[in-house]
Amino acid sequence: MELPLSLRETVRGGWRTNRSAGPPLPIFIASLLVALAILLPLAYLLLRAASAADEIWRLLFRPRTAVILFNSVTLASAVTLGAIVIAVPLAWLVVRSDLPFRRYWTGLLIVPLAVPSYVGGFVFIGALGPRGMLQRLLEPLGVERLPEIYGFPGAWLALTLFTYPYVFLVVRAALQGMDYTLEEASRSLGQSSWTTFWRVILPQLRPAIAAGGLLVALYTLSDFGAVSLLQFDTFTRVIYVHYQGSFDRHMAAGLALVLVGMTLLILALEHWSRGRAQYHSGTRTGMRPPRRITLGKWRIPALVLCVGVLVLGIVMPTVTVGYWLFRSIAHATNYSALPQLAWNSLWVSAAAGVAAVALAMPVAYLTVRFPRRLTKPFEFAVYLGYGLPGIVIALSLVFFGANVAPFIYQTFFLLIAAYLIRFMPQAYGNARTSLLQVQPSLEEASRSLGRSWHATLRTITLPLVRGGATAGGILVFVTTLKELPITLLLGPIEFKTLATEVWSLTEEGFFADAAPVIFVLLSISLLPTLLFAVKET
């Protein structure tokens, strides 16, 4: 079945052999339902705010709200700037210089992506806190207490060290695909290496830096675990406190709307910053391997930078978790709950990964094969879910489940639905990329032989995009495994995962009890990350 003629004319495109053909009706309906479900949290928040507009308006203009806004903006800006300052030099070193062991540095510098933010908070509290590992090592020297790591400094350091790989990966890819003829022209005109970098290379990297910085800024705004453990008040932490400690949820809804507004503003600014500038080359000459820069006397400082980031981002977490794990073994900690926690995390993450692929495929098929004005909003709706912080999605679905659909409240259906809204773009992006690589002529040939659209989809298209779709599902699985606020707010009663158990134990200061749970969580999430790192090298 296909759309009526009037609607097909609106969405002209698709099969080259029939430019007037519209999308199949089941694909269109499935995509529409997915888009509406993703827009549900935003729509419900707006309705909730409209029902108590005067009260929320007064709450938003309280001095306390201004402080939270300042904290959130300051932290997001500082973390983004810190990640860029770390990642851009590292990416340049591994792509353009003769850095020793360059091939291995690339893989190692990606590994911090596997560390959840709340584990990063645990690491800094357990290692550098007033009574942490470092203090115990210095205790024989008379050091009884170290300076506080809590607040802005700890939150900034933890989030920067575990988010810089987002910028590193994007900038590294941009450097590898850069047109080096412009650089060579600059050098031939007598410009120094530094002048060439600032005037030629860095401007070409601006889109990549902006894209990576966008990911870091959105991650920081949506982070809940690190800011909660390190006791720094941002919107996510305050929203959770208001939700847990008050029967009046208007303040939580109002703050959630402000957070959504900040997210949309960042997305708009990033889109505006790209403008209409073009950064690609008109020729293929820039695709040849670039000349590697000899570091010379800068080789030692470059190695110090790489080793320093490696120590803070990999060695310190490993040593800290190992130290507290040893203490938990020494104190005969009960590990009986670990298998159930691991099973809960694995099955719910696997369900989210499979469902995300299944629901992303029709939207990807619609937007790739029928790229017309009517289908553009579907893609926007999918990516809007990624812009909504997890705590906002969870809060919205709590309101929806408790007031509109109580039969799904406190069920796994609502929990997995929240995961899908939050992480659908990861599955969609991979599916869309794979579909773009499939020649439409293969599908046209199948249709010309008399096969229906669904037979063509089943026998031609899906087998060709299976690899990309599987990669998207794995990415959703890993991200869901580490997700914290959605699971805390929407998980059924007595349902615990590795992530929620880590947060509960570390929030109470039970670091020895949390260490084995963190070890299992990192072991599971590290495997796909290491596979990706090996592929990158």
Protein backbone atom coordinates (compact mmCIF):
# COMPACT_ATOMS: atom_id res chain seq x y z
CA MET A 1 0.00 0.00 0.00
CA GLU A 2 1.23 3.50 -0.86
CA LEU A 3 0.14 7.03 0.04
CA PRO A 4 -2.75 8.65 -1.86
CA LEU A 5 -1.92 10.52 -5.06
CA SER A 6 -2.37 13.97 -3.49
CA LEU A 7 0.14 13.21 -0.75
CA ARG A 8 2.49 11.46 -3.17
CA GLU A 9 2.60 14.65 -5.20
CA THR A 10 3.62 16.56 -2.08
CA VAL A 11 6.53 14.25 -1.39
CA ARG A 12 7.75 13.69 -4.91
CA GLY A 13 10.94 11.68 -5.19
CA GLY A 14 12.13 8.23 -4.28
CA TRP A 15 12.53 5.68 -7.05
CA ARG A 16 14.21 7.23 -10.06
CA THR A 17 12.04 5.17 -12.34
CA ASN A 18 8.91 6.78 -10.86
CA ARG A 19 9.55 10.34 -9.64
CA SER A 20 5.91 10.78 -8.52
CA ALA A 21 5.90 7.74 -6.24
CA GLY A 22 5.38 8.49 -2.56
CA PRO A 23 6.59 6.58 0.48
CA PRO A 24 4.83 3.34 1.35
CA LEU A 25 2.01 3.99 3.81
CA PRO A 26 3.31 1.59 6.54
CA ILE A 27 6.74 3.30 6.45
CA PHE A 28 5.13 6.74 6.68
CA ILE A 29 2.84 5.75 9.57
CA ALA A 30 5.65 4.05 11.49
CA SER A 31 7.87 7.11 11.08
CA LEU A 32 5.06 9.42 12.14
CA LEU A 33 4.43 7.42 15.31
CA VAL A 34 8.14 7.43 16.16
CA ALA A 35 8.36 11.20 15.64
CA LEU A 36 5.28 11.89 17.76
CA ALA A 37 6.60 9.68 20.56
CA ILE A 38 9.92 11.54 20.57
CA LEU A 39 8.13 14.91 20.69
CA LEU A 40 5.97 13.78 23.61
CA PRO A 41 8.31 14.95 26.40
CA LEU A 42 8.61 18.46 24.97
CA ALA A 43 4.86 18.72 24.33
CA TYR A 44 3.99 17.49 27.80
CA LEU A 45 6.43 19.90 29.44
CA LEU A 46 4.84 22.80 27.57
CA LEU A 47 1.36 21.71 28.65
CA ARG A 48 2.51 21.27 32.24
CA ALA A 49 4.07 24.72 32.25
CA ALA A 50 0.97 26.29 30.67
CA SER A 51 -1.24 24.87 33.43
CA ALA A 52 0.77 26.71 36.08
CA ALA A 53 2.27 29.55 34.03
CA ASP A 54 2.05 32.26 36.70
CA GLU A 55 3.66 30.13 39.40
CA ILE A 56 6.42 28.88 37.13
CA TRP A 57 7.05 32.42 35.86
CA ARG A 58 7.64 33.60 39.46
CA LEU A 59 9.88 30.64 40.22
CA LEU A 60 12.01 31.19 37.15
CA PHE A 61 12.81 34.76 38.16
CA ARG A 62 13.97 33.88 41.64
CA PRO A 63 17.64 34.71 42.43
CA ARG A 64 18.26 31.01 43.04
CA THR A 65 17.31 30.20 39.44
CA ALA A 66 19.78 32.81 38.17
CA VAL A 67 22.53 31.16 40.23
CA ILE A 68 21.71 27.74 38.77
CA LEU A 69 21.67 29.20 35.26
CA PHE A 70 25.06 30.83 35.84
CA ASN A 71 26.49 27.56 37.20
CA SER A 72 25.24 25.53 34.25
CA VAL A 73 26.42 27.98 31.59
CA THR A 74 29.80 28.45 33.28
CA LEU A 75 30.42 24.72 33.66
CA ALA A 76 29.34 23.91 30.08
CA SER A 77 31.52 26.71 28.69
CA ALA A 78 34.56 25.79 30.80
CA VAL A 79 34.32 22.07 30.03
CA THR A 80 33.89 22.72 26.30
CA LEU A 81 36.87 25.09 26.24
CA GLY A 82 38.98 22.65 28.28
CA ALA A 83 38.10 19.74 26.00
CA ILE A 84 39.03 21.78 22.91
CA VAL A 85 42.33 22.92 24.43
CA ILE A 86 43.24 19.28 25.19
CA ALA A 87 41.84 17.58 22.09
CA VAL A 88 43.01 19.83 19.24
CA PRO A 89 46.75 19.57 20.04
CA LEU A 90 46.43 15.84 20.63
CA ALA A 91 44.64 15.32 17.31
CA TRP A 92 47.26 17.37 15.48
CA LEU A 93 50.08 15.41 17.13
CA VAL A 94 48.73 11.98 16.17
CA VAL A 95 47.86 12.99 12.57
CA ARG A 96 50.49 15.51 11.50
CA SER A 97 53.62 15.00 13.62
CA ASP A 98 56.30 12.37 14.07
CA LEU A 99 55.15 11.70 17.64
CA PRO A 100 56.72 8.44 18.93
CA PHE A 101 54.26 5.52 19.07
CA ARG A 102 51.71 7.69 17.24
CA ARG A 103 49.70 4.67 16.12
CA TYR A 104 49.10 3.51 19.70
CA TRP A 105 48.37 6.97 21.14
CA THR A 106 45.35 7.26 18.87
CA GLY A 107 43.70 4.20 20.42
CA LEU A 108 44.66 5.01 24.01
CA LEU A 109 43.33 8.56 23.87
CA ILE A 110 39.86 7.26 22.93
CA VAL A 111 39.51 4.95 25.97
CA PRO A 112 38.19 7.62 28.44
CA LEU A 113 34.93 7.54 26.47
CA ALA A 114 34.13 4.27 28.25
CA VAL A 115 34.18 5.93 31.69
CA PRO A 116 30.74 7.23 32.77
CA SER A 117 30.69 10.68 34.35
CA TYR A 118 29.57 9.36 37.74
CA VAL A 119 32.52 6.95 37.73
CA GLY A 120 34.71 9.94 36.93
CA GLY A 121 33.26 11.70 39.98
CA PHE A 122 33.97 8.62 42.07
CA VAL A 123 37.56 8.54 40.78
CA PHE A 124 38.30 12.12 41.76
CA ILE A 125 36.65 11.82 45.15
CA GLY A 126 38.34 8.48 45.86
CA ALA A 127 41.77 9.61 44.63
CA LEU A 128 41.98 13.34 45.29
CA GLY A 129 39.27 13.90 47.90
CA PRO A 130 40.03 15.21 51.40
CA ARG A 131 40.36 11.62 52.69
CA GLY A 132 41.19 9.88 49.41
CA MET A 133 44.08 7.75 48.17
CA LEU A 134 46.50 10.66 47.84
CA GLN A 135 45.83 11.80 51.40
CA ARG A 136 46.48 8.30 52.72
CA LEU A 137 49.80 8.22 50.86
CA LEU A 138 50.77 11.58 52.33
CA GLU A 139 49.54 10.78 55.82
CA PRO A 140 53.01 9.62 57.05
CA LEU A 141 54.24 13.11 56.12
CA GLY A 142 51.68 14.70 58.42
CA VAL A 143 49.02 15.55 55.83
CA GLU A 144 45.70 14.90 57.57
CA ARG A 145 43.37 16.40 54.99
CA LEU A 146 43.63 17.60 51.38
CA PRO A 147 41.78 20.64 49.95
CA GLU A 148 38.18 20.07 48.89
CA ILE A 149 37.70 18.64 45.40
CA TYR A 150 33.95 19.24 45.53
CA GLY A 151 32.18 21.98 43.61
CA PHE A 152 33.13 23.59 40.32
CA PRO A 153 36.83 22.52 40.19
CA GLY A 154 36.06 18.82 40.61
CA ALA A 155 33.10 18.85 38.23
CA TRP A 156 35.09 20.75 35.60
CA LEU A 157 38.11 18.44 35.84
CA ALA A 158 36.09 15.21 35.77
CA LEU A 159 33.85 16.22 32.85
CA THR A 160 36.72 17.68 30.81
CA LEU A 161 38.89 14.58 31.10
CA PHE A 162 36.10 12.20 30.12
CA THR A 163 34.55 14.27 27.30
CA TYR A 164 37.58 15.52 25.36
CA PRO A 165 37.54 12.37 23.12
CA TYR A 166 34.37 13.71 21.47
CA VAL A 167 36.38 16.66 20.14
CA PHE A 168 39.49 14.55 19.54
CA LEU A 169 37.69 12.09 17.24
CA VAL A 170 35.98 14.76 15.15
CA VAL A 171 39.07 16.96 14.79
CA ARG A 172 41.26 13.94 13.99
CA ALA A 173 38.89 12.93 11.19
CA ALA A 174 38.89 16.50 9.87
CA LEU A 175 42.69 16.63 9.84
CA GLN A 176 42.86 13.36 7.92
CA GLY A 177 40.49 14.67 5.23
CA MET A 178 41.92 18.20 5.00
CA ASP A 179 43.14 19.80 1.76
CA TYR A 180 46.86 20.22 2.40
CA THR A 181 47.49 22.16 -0.82
CA LEU A 182 46.48 25.36 1.00
CA GLU A 183 49.02 24.63 3.71
CA GLU A 184 51.73 23.97 1.15
CA ALA A 185 50.88 27.20 -0.63
CA SER A 186 51.23 29.11 2.64
CA ARG A 187 54.61 27.57 3.35
CA SER A 188 55.80 28.26 -0.21
CA LEU A 189 55.01 31.95 0.36
CA GLY A 190 57.43 32.00 3.29
CA GLN A 191 54.96 31.66 6.18
CA SER A 192 56.21 29.88 9.31
CA SER A 193 54.68 26.68 10.71
CA TRP A 194 52.91 28.57 13.50
CA THR A 195 51.52 31.22 11.12
CA THR A 196 50.33 28.51 8.74
CA PHE A 197 48.63 26.66 11.57
CA TRP A 198 46.77 29.72 12.86
CA ARG A 199 45.83 31.19 9.48
CA VAL A 200 45.29 28.09 7.33
CA ILE A 201 44.82 24.89 9.33
CA LEU A 202 42.80 26.18 12.31
CA PRO A 203 40.16 27.99 10.20
CA GLN A 204 39.57 24.75 8.25
CA LEU A 205 39.12 22.91 11.55
CA ARG A 206 36.46 25.33 12.80
CA PRO A 207 33.45 23.18 11.76
CA ALA A 208 34.97 20.08 13.36
CA ILE A 209 35.82 21.94 16.56
CA ALA A 210 32.29 23.37 16.66
CA ALA A 211 30.74 19.92 16.13
CA GLY A 212 32.88 18.31 18.84
CA GLY A 213 32.31 21.25 21.18
CA LEU A 214 28.57 20.91 20.62
CA LEU A 215 28.67 17.29 21.78
CA VAL A 216 30.68 18.25 24.87
CA ALA A 217 28.39 21.16 25.74
CA LEU A 218 25.24 19.05 25.39
CA TYR A 219 26.84 16.25 27.44
CA THR A 220 27.78 18.69 30.20
CA LEU A 221 24.33 20.29 30.34
CA SER A 222 22.68 16.86 30.55
CA ASP A 223 25.17 15.35 33.01
CA PHE A 224 23.74 14.27 36.33
CA GLY A 225 26.18 11.83 37.93
CA ALA A 226 29.38 13.88 38.16
CA VAL A 227 27.74 17.12 39.32
CA SER A 228 25.69 15.24 41.91
CA LEU A 229 28.65 13.35 43.40
CA LEU A 230 30.83 16.46 43.34
CA GLN A 231 28.01 18.58 44.82
CA PHE A 232 27.83 21.30 42.19
CA ASP A 233 24.36 22.70 41.55
CA THR A 234 23.40 22.68 37.88
CA PHE A 235 19.95 22.29 36.37
CA THR A 236 20.07 18.49 36.29
CA ARG A 237 20.99 18.15 39.97
CA VAL A 238 18.44 20.76 41.15
CA ILE A 239 15.66 19.26 39.00
CA TYR A 240 16.29 15.86 40.56
CA VAL A 241 16.30 17.31 44.09
CA HIS A 242 13.00 19.12 43.46
CA TYR A 243 11.48 15.99 41.97
CA GLN A 244 12.54 13.76 44.87
CA GLY A 245 11.92 16.19 47.73
CA SER A 246 8.67 17.97 46.83
CA PHE A 247 5.14 16.98 45.99
CA ASP A 248 4.84 20.17 43.93
CA ARG A 249 6.56 19.34 40.66
CA HIS A 250 5.98 22.73 38.99
CA MET A 251 9.48 23.96 39.86
CA ALA A 252 11.03 20.83 38.38
CA ALA A 253 8.97 21.26 35.20
CA GLY A 254 9.88 24.95 34.94
CA LEU A 255 13.59 24.28 35.36
CA ALA A 256 13.35 21.46 32.84
CA LEU A 257 11.92 23.88 30.30
CA VAL A 258 14.81 26.29 30.90
CA LEU A 259 17.25 23.43 30.36
CA VAL A 260 15.51 22.48 27.12
CA GLY A 261 15.64 26.11 26.02
CA MET A 262 19.39 26.24 26.69
CA THR A 263 19.88 23.05 24.69
CA LEU A 264 17.92 24.37 21.71
CA LEU A 265 19.83 27.65 21.88
CA ILE A 266 23.15 25.82 21.72
CA LEU A 267 21.94 23.78 18.74
CA ALA A 268 20.81 26.98 16.98
CA LEU A 269 24.12 28.74 17.68
CA GLU A 270 26.10 25.80 16.33
CA HIS A 271 23.95 25.73 13.19
CA TRP A 272 24.37 29.49 12.75
CA SER A 273 28.14 29.29 13.26
CA ARG A 274 28.43 26.94 10.27
CA GLY A 275 26.71 29.48 8.02
CA ARG A 276 27.15 28.80 4.32
CA ALA A 277 30.89 28.46 4.41
CA GLN A 278 32.46 25.66 2.41
CA TYR A 279 35.54 23.87 3.66
CA HIS A 280 36.01 21.19 1.04
CA SER A 281 38.47 21.23 -1.79
CA GLY A 282 37.49 21.50 -5.38
CA THR A 283 40.20 19.02 -6.36
CA ARG A 284 41.44 15.65 -5.20
CA THR A 285 45.04 16.75 -4.64
CA GLY A 286 44.45 17.30 -0.93
CA MET A 287 43.75 13.63 -0.45
CA ARG A 288 47.39 12.59 -0.65
CA PRO A 289 49.16 11.85 2.65
CA PRO A 290 50.40 15.09 4.26
CA ARG A 291 54.01 15.79 5.10
CA ARG A 292 54.68 14.94 8.73
CA ILE A 293 56.05 17.73 10.89
CA THR A 294 59.26 16.98 12.77
CA LEU A 295 58.77 17.90 16.42
CA GLY A 296 62.44 18.30 17.23
CA LYS A 297 62.84 19.97 20.63
CA TRP A 298 59.06 19.86 21.10
CA ARG A 299 59.04 16.05 21.15
CA ILE A 300 59.49 15.81 24.94
CA PRO A 301 56.73 18.39 25.76
CA ALA A 302 54.42 16.58 23.32
CA LEU A 303 55.06 13.25 25.03
CA VAL A 304 54.52 14.89 28.44
CA LEU A 305 51.12 16.17 27.26
CA CYS A 306 50.06 12.75 25.98
CA VAL A 307 51.32 10.92 29.07
CA GLY A 308 49.66 13.45 31.39
CA VAL A 309 46.28 13.02 29.72
CA LEU A 310 46.77 9.24 29.74
CA VAL A 311 47.59 9.23 33.46
CA LEU A 312 44.59 11.36 34.43
CA GLY A 313 42.12 9.75 32.02
CA ILE A 314 43.11 6.06 32.19
CA VAL A 315 45.75 5.27 34.79
CA MET A 316 44.16 7.17 37.66
CA PRO A 317 40.69 5.62 37.18
CA THR A 318 42.27 2.15 36.90
CA VAL A 319 44.40 2.59 40.01
CA THR A 320 41.56 4.15 42.01
CA VAL A 321 39.05 1.42 41.17
CA GLY A 322 41.74 -1.22 41.81
CA TYR A 323 42.60 0.30 45.19
CA TRP A 324 39.00 0.35 46.40
CA LEU A 325 38.39 -3.09 44.89
CA PHE A 326 41.31 -4.44 46.93
CA ARG A 327 39.82 -2.85 50.05
CA SER A 328 36.43 -4.40 49.31
CA ILE A 329 38.05 -7.85 49.00
CA ALA A 330 39.94 -7.27 52.24
CA HIS A 331 36.69 -6.37 53.99
CA ALA A 332 34.89 -9.42 52.55
CA THR A 333 32.27 -7.38 50.69
CA ASN A 334 29.17 -9.32 49.69
CA TYR A 335 29.11 -9.79 45.90
CA SER A 336 25.88 -11.77 45.72
CA ALA A 337 23.92 -8.93 44.09
CA LEU A 338 26.40 -8.45 41.24
CA PRO A 339 25.03 -11.13 38.85
CA GLN A 340 21.50 -9.75 39.09
CA LEU A 341 22.71 -6.16 38.62
CA ALA A 342 24.75 -7.18 35.59
CA TRP A 343 21.82 -9.14 34.11
CA ASN A 344 19.43 -6.20 34.61
CA SER A 345 21.85 -3.84 32.89
CA LEU A 346 22.55 -6.22 30.01
CA TRP A 347 19.01 -7.18 29.11
CA VAL A 348 17.49 -3.71 29.34
CA SER A 349 20.38 -2.24 27.30
CA ALA A 350 20.07 -5.01 24.70
CA ALA A 351 16.31 -4.42 24.46
CA ALA A 352 16.90 -0.70 23.94
CA GLY A 353 19.51 -1.41 21.26
CA VAL A 354 17.30 -3.81 19.29
CA ALA A 355 14.22 -1.56 19.59
CA ALA A 356 16.21 1.52 18.55
CA VAL A 357 17.37 -0.17 15.34
CA ALA A 358 13.89 -1.47 14.55
CA LEU A 359 12.29 1.96 15.01
CA ALA A 360 15.08 3.97 13.41
CA MET A 361 15.06 2.00 10.15
CA PRO A 362 11.67 3.24 8.81
CA VAL A 363 12.54 6.86 9.63
CA ALA A 364 15.95 6.51 7.95
CA TYR A 365 14.35 4.85 4.90
CA LEU A 366 11.75 7.62 4.64
CA THR A 367 14.22 10.53 4.95
CA VAL A 368 16.87 9.01 2.64
CA ARG A 369 14.69 7.62 -0.13
CA PHE A 370 12.06 10.41 -0.03
CA PRO A 371 14.01 13.56 0.93
CA ARG A 372 11.28 16.14 0.53
CA ARG A 373 9.78 18.94 2.58
CA LEU A 374 7.23 16.66 4.20
CA THR A 375 9.89 14.26 5.50
CA LYS A 376 12.34 16.84 6.91
CA PRO A 377 10.45 17.21 10.23
CA PHE A 378 10.89 13.50 10.92
CA GLU A 379 14.66 13.85 10.94
CA PHE A 380 14.43 16.97 13.12
CA ALA A 381 12.20 15.15 15.61
CA VAL A 382 14.64 12.25 15.90
CA TYR A 383 17.61 14.52 16.61
CA LEU A 384 15.59 16.64 19.02
CA GLY A 385 15.52 13.65 21.37
CA TYR A 386 19.30 13.74 21.57
CA GLY A 387 19.13 17.40 22.53
CA LEU A 388 16.81 16.68 25.46
CA PRO A 389 18.77 15.81 28.62
CA GLY A 390 17.97 12.44 30.12
CA ILE A 391 16.53 13.90 33.31
CA VAL A 392 14.10 16.06 31.28
CA ILE A 393 12.90 13.03 29.29
CA ALA A 394 12.51 11.00 32.47
CA LEU A 395 10.64 13.78 34.27
CA SER A 396 8.30 14.26 31.32
CA LEU A 397 7.49 10.57 31.05
CA VAL A 398 6.94 10.37 34.82
CA PHE A 399 4.31 13.11 34.46
CA PHE A 400 2.83 11.40 31.41
CA GLY A 401 2.72 7.96 32.99
CA ALA A 402 1.30 9.12 36.32
CA ASN A 403 -1.40 11.38 34.89
CA VAL A 404 -2.24 10.19 31.37
CA ALA A 405 -1.28 6.51 31.12
CA PRO A 406 -1.06 5.04 34.63
CA PHE A 407 -1.18 1.50 33.23
CA ILE A 408 2.41 1.93 31.90
CA TYR A 409 3.73 3.88 34.89
CA GLN A 410 6.60 2.11 36.70
CA THR A 411 6.89 -0.47 33.91
CA PHE A 412 9.77 -1.50 31.69
CA PHE A 413 7.83 -0.26 28.67
CA LEU A 414 8.12 3.34 29.86
CA LEU A 415 11.77 2.88 30.83
CA ILE A 416 12.78 1.53 27.42
CA ALA A 417 10.67 4.20 25.70
CA ALA A 418 12.74 6.85 27.48
CA TYR A 419 15.97 5.17 26.37
CA LEU A 420 14.69 5.19 22.79
CA ILE A 421 13.78 8.89 22.87
CA ARG A 422 17.21 9.74 24.27
CA PHE A 423 19.41 7.49 22.12
CA MET A 424 17.42 6.96 18.91
CA PRO A 425 19.69 9.37 16.95
CA GLN A 426 22.64 7.01 17.45
CA ALA A 427 20.81 4.18 15.70
CA TYR A 428 19.24 6.55 13.14
CA GLY A 429 22.58 8.12 12.19
CA ASN A 430 24.20 4.77 11.46
CA ALA A 431 21.17 3.47 9.56
CA ARG A 432 20.94 6.66 7.50
CA THR A 433 24.64 6.57 6.61
CA SER A 434 24.35 2.94 5.50
CA LEU A 435 21.27 3.67 3.39
CA LEU A 436 23.03 6.55 1.66
CA GLN A 437 25.72 4.09 0.55
CA VAL A 438 23.18 1.73 -1.06
CA GLN A 439 22.67 2.54 -4.73
CA PRO A 440 18.96 3.22 -5.43
CA SER A 441 19.46 1.44 -8.78
CA LEU A 442 19.58 -1.90 -6.91
CA GLU A 443 16.15 -1.27 -5.46
CA GLU A 444 14.87 0.06 -8.78
CA ALA A 445 16.02 -3.14 -10.50
CA SER A 446 14.14 -5.23 -7.94
CA ARG A 447 10.96 -3.16 -8.41
CA SER A 448 11.26 -3.34 -12.19
CA LEU A 449 11.26 -7.15 -11.89
CA GLY A 450 7.85 -7.00 -10.23
CA ARG A 451 8.80 -7.25 -6.57
CA SER A 452 6.80 -5.25 -4.05
CA TRP A 453 8.42 -2.50 -1.98
CA HIS A 454 8.42 -4.66 1.17
CA ALA A 455 9.98 -7.63 -0.65
CA THR A 456 12.66 -5.30 -2.02
CA LEU A 457 13.23 -3.87 1.43
CA ARG A 458 13.53 -7.34 2.98
CA THR A 459 15.75 -8.99 0.37
CA ILE A 460 17.84 -6.10 -0.99
CA THR A 461 17.98 -3.07 1.31
CA LEU A 462 18.08 -4.56 4.80
CA PRO A 463 20.89 -7.05 4.08
CA LEU A 464 23.01 -4.23 2.66
CA VAL A 465 22.53 -1.95 5.69
CA ARG A 466 22.83 -4.71 8.29
CA GLY A 467 26.38 -3.75 9.29
CA GLY A 468 25.60 -0.09 9.92
CA ALA A 469 22.37 -0.90 11.72
CA THR A 470 24.18 -3.38 13.97
CA ALA A 471 26.82 -0.76 14.80
CA GLY A 472 24.05 1.67 15.75
CA GLY A 473 22.43 -0.93 17.98
CA ILE A 474 25.73 -1.63 19.74
CA LEU A 475 26.25 2.09 20.30
CA VAL A 476 22.78 2.40 21.86
CA PHE A 477 23.51 -0.67 24.00
CA VAL A 478 26.74 0.82 25.40
CA THR A 479 25.19 4.23 26.04
CA THR A 480 22.13 2.75 27.74
CA LEU A 481 24.40 0.64 29.92
CA LYS A 482 25.86 3.83 31.42
CA GLU A 483 22.63 5.89 31.57
CA LEU A 484 21.78 7.09 35.08
CA PRO A 485 18.95 9.69 35.51
CA ILE A 486 16.46 7.92 33.24
CA THR A 487 16.96 4.64 35.10
CA LEU A 488 16.75 6.32 38.50
CA LEU A 489 13.46 8.08 37.77
CA LEU A 490 11.69 5.56 35.54
CA GLY A 491 12.98 2.17 36.69
CA PRO A 492 10.30 -0.07 38.24
CA ILE A 493 10.34 -0.42 42.01
CA GLU A 494 13.29 -2.50 43.24
CA PHE A 495 14.79 -2.57 39.75
CA LYS A 496 18.50 -1.77 39.99
CA THR A 497 21.23 -1.69 37.39
CA LEU A 498 24.99 -1.39 37.65
CA ALA A 499 24.70 2.35 37.00
CA THR A 500 22.10 3.04 39.69
CA GLU A 501 23.94 0.87 42.22
CA VAL A 502 27.21 2.73 41.59
CA TRP A 503 25.48 6.05 42.08
CA SER A 504 23.67 4.96 45.24
CA LEU A 505 26.81 3.59 46.89
CA THR A 506 29.15 6.42 45.92
CA GLU A 507 26.61 9.06 46.97
CA GLU A 508 26.65 7.54 50.45
CA GLY A 509 30.44 7.31 50.45
CA PHE A 510 30.60 3.49 50.33
CA PHE A 511 33.52 3.43 47.90
CA ALA A 512 34.72 -0.06 48.78
CA ASP A 513 31.24 -1.47 48.15
CA ALA A 514 30.95 0.46 44.88
CA ALA A 515 34.34 -0.69 43.50
CA PRO A 516 33.31 -4.20 42.35
CA VAL A 517 30.17 -2.81 40.70
CA ILE A 518 32.26 -0.19 38.87
CA PHE A 519 34.72 -2.89 37.83
CA VAL A 520 31.97 -4.96 36.21
CA LEU A 521 30.41 -1.89 34.56
CA LEU A 522 33.73 -0.73 33.10
CA SER A 523 34.61 -4.25 31.97
CA ILE A 524 31.39 -4.48 29.96
CA SER A 525 31.54 -0.97 28.47
CA LEU A 526 35.28 -1.09 27.74
CA LEU A 527 35.05 -3.99 25.30
CA PRO A 528 33.24 -2.13 22.49
CA THR A 529 35.37 0.96 23.14
CA LEU A 530 38.60 -1.04 22.82
CA LEU A 531 37.35 -2.67 19.62
CA PHE A 532 36.69 0.80 18.24
CA ALA A 533 40.13 1.95 19.39
CA VAL A 534 41.79 -0.99 17.61
CA LYS A 535 39.85 -0.15 14.46
CA GLU A 536 40.99 3.48 14.67
CA THR A 537 44.66 2.49 14.91
